[in-house]
Amino acid sequence: MSKFGHALLICALLSALSSLAHAERGVVALRVSGCDYYIISAPTGYVVAEWYGGYDPSRGDLVIGSFDGYGFKTLFFNSSQNEGRTYIEDYMLDQDQALEQISEKCN
C-alpha cells in the first residue's frame, strides 16, 4: 500500500473512533414485530427510530451512536459488533410520547 493509502486509512480509522467517542449509549426498549420503527431508551430520553438496513435490532440490544438530532444515522449495536442504518424520527421524548408515536406508526 502506498503512503497515501496508509494516510487515508489512518484518517478513516481516526474519524470512526472519534465519532464513537462522542456517541451516546442506549438500549432498544421496544421493537414491534412487522414494523420498522423502534424505541431507544437513552440518557437524554426516549428516541423513535426507523430501521433502514443493516443489523435489524431487537429489544434489549445495546445501541451506540448519535441520538441527538433528526435524520439518517449509522448506529452500532451490541458493543459495535453490528452496524445498522437508522432514521431518527424524534428524540428527547418521555415514555408516553414515544409509545404514542410508535402506536401511530405501527398500526
Protein backbone atom coordinates (compact mmCIF):
# COMPACT_ATOMS: atom_id res chain seq x y z
CA MET A 1 0.00 0.00 0.00
CA SER A 2 1.28 3.47 -0.83
CA LYS A 3 2.00 6.19 1.73
CA PHE A 4 -1.14 7.96 0.56
CA GLY A 5 -3.18 4.79 1.10
CA HIS A 6 -1.79 4.39 4.63
CA ALA A 7 -2.55 8.01 5.45
CA LEU A 8 -6.09 7.68 4.11
CA LEU A 9 -6.67 4.52 6.14
CA ILE A 10 -5.38 6.17 9.33
CA CYS A 11 -7.62 9.19 8.77
CA ALA A 12 -10.66 6.94 8.27
CA LEU A 13 -9.91 4.97 11.44
CA LEU A 14 -9.38 8.13 13.50
CA SER A 15 -12.64 9.56 12.21
CA ALA A 16 -14.55 6.39 13.13
CA LEU A 17 -13.02 6.29 16.61
CA SER A 18 -13.72 9.97 17.15
CA SER A 19 -17.40 9.58 16.29
CA LEU A 20 -17.73 6.64 18.69
CA ALA A 21 -16.03 8.60 21.46
CA HIS A 22 -18.77 11.26 21.31
CA ALA A 23 -21.61 8.78 20.93
CA GLU A 24 -24.45 8.13 23.31
CA ARG A 25 -25.34 4.71 24.64
CA GLY A 26 -28.87 3.41 24.85
CA VAL A 27 -30.91 0.24 24.81
CA VAL A 28 -33.62 -0.88 22.39
CA ALA A 29 -36.64 -0.58 24.69
CA LEU A 30 -39.34 -1.66 22.23
CA ARG A 31 -39.40 -3.35 18.84
CA VAL A 32 -42.78 -4.15 17.31
CA SER A 33 -42.88 -7.25 15.11
CA GLY A 34 -43.65 -6.39 11.48
CA CYS A 35 -42.84 -2.69 11.93
CA ASP A 36 -39.61 -0.88 11.01
CA TYR A 37 -39.91 1.56 13.92
CA TYR A 38 -38.41 1.00 17.34
CA ILE A 39 -37.76 2.90 20.57
CA ILE A 40 -34.34 3.51 22.10
CA SER A 41 -34.05 4.37 25.78
CA ALA A 42 -31.19 6.88 26.00
CA PRO A 43 -29.78 9.07 28.81
CA THR A 44 -31.46 12.12 27.22
CA GLY A 45 -34.87 10.46 26.90
CA TYR A 46 -36.61 8.12 24.51
CA VAL A 47 -35.84 8.05 20.78
CA VAL A 48 -38.20 6.95 17.99
CA ALA A 49 -36.11 5.42 15.21
CA GLU A 50 -36.87 3.78 11.87
CA TRP A 51 -34.73 0.87 10.66
CA TYR A 52 -33.35 1.32 7.11
CA GLY A 53 -30.91 -1.55 6.70
CA GLY A 54 -28.02 -3.46 8.11
CA TYR A 55 -28.40 -5.03 11.53
CA ASP A 56 -32.06 -5.40 12.50
CA PRO A 57 -32.20 -4.58 16.23
CA SER A 58 -34.09 -6.50 18.89
CA ARG A 59 -35.40 -5.48 22.29
CA GLY A 60 -32.57 -5.33 24.82
CA ASP A 61 -29.80 -4.61 22.29
CA LEU A 62 -27.17 -2.08 23.36
CA VAL A 63 -27.12 0.87 20.92
CA ILE A 64 -24.17 3.23 20.40
CA GLY A 65 -24.50 6.33 18.23
CA SER A 66 -25.76 9.87 17.93
CA PHE A 67 -29.41 10.18 19.00
CA ASP A 68 -29.48 13.95 19.49
CA GLY A 69 -30.63 15.01 16.05
CA TYR A 70 -33.06 14.15 13.30
CA GLY A 71 -32.08 12.32 10.16
CA PHE A 72 -30.16 9.31 8.95
CA LYS A 73 -27.58 7.86 11.33
CA THR A 74 -25.31 4.85 11.42
CA LEU A 75 -25.79 3.14 14.77
CA PHE A 76 -23.78 0.33 16.31
CA PHE A 77 -25.45 -2.47 18.22
CA ASN A 78 -24.11 -4.82 20.90
CA SER A 79 -20.72 -3.24 21.58
CA SER A 80 -20.09 -2.17 17.97
CA GLN A 81 -20.31 -5.72 16.62
CA ASN A 82 -23.23 -4.88 14.32
CA GLU A 83 -23.92 -1.77 12.24
CA GLY A 84 -27.32 -0.54 11.09
CA ARG A 85 -28.73 2.41 9.18
CA THR A 86 -31.47 4.27 11.03
CA TYR A 87 -33.57 7.39 10.63
CA ILE A 88 -34.07 9.29 13.89
CA GLU A 89 -37.71 10.35 13.74
CA ASP A 90 -37.83 12.08 17.14
CA TYR A 91 -35.74 12.27 20.31
CA MET A 92 -35.69 13.59 23.90
CA LEU A 93 -39.19 12.20 24.41
CA ASP A 94 -40.79 10.90 27.57
CA GLN A 95 -42.04 7.32 27.57
CA ASP A 96 -45.68 8.22 26.82
CA GLN A 97 -44.72 10.40 23.84
CA ALA A 98 -42.53 7.65 22.37
CA LEU A 99 -45.21 4.98 22.82
CA GLU A 100 -47.83 7.23 21.21
CA GLN A 101 -45.65 7.79 18.14
CA ILE A 102 -44.89 4.08 17.77
CA SER A 103 -48.59 3.30 18.14
CA GLU A 104 -49.42 5.71 15.28
CA LYS A 105 -46.66 4.36 13.01
CA CYS A 106 -47.09 0.63 13.65
CA ASN A 107 -50.85 0.20 13.18
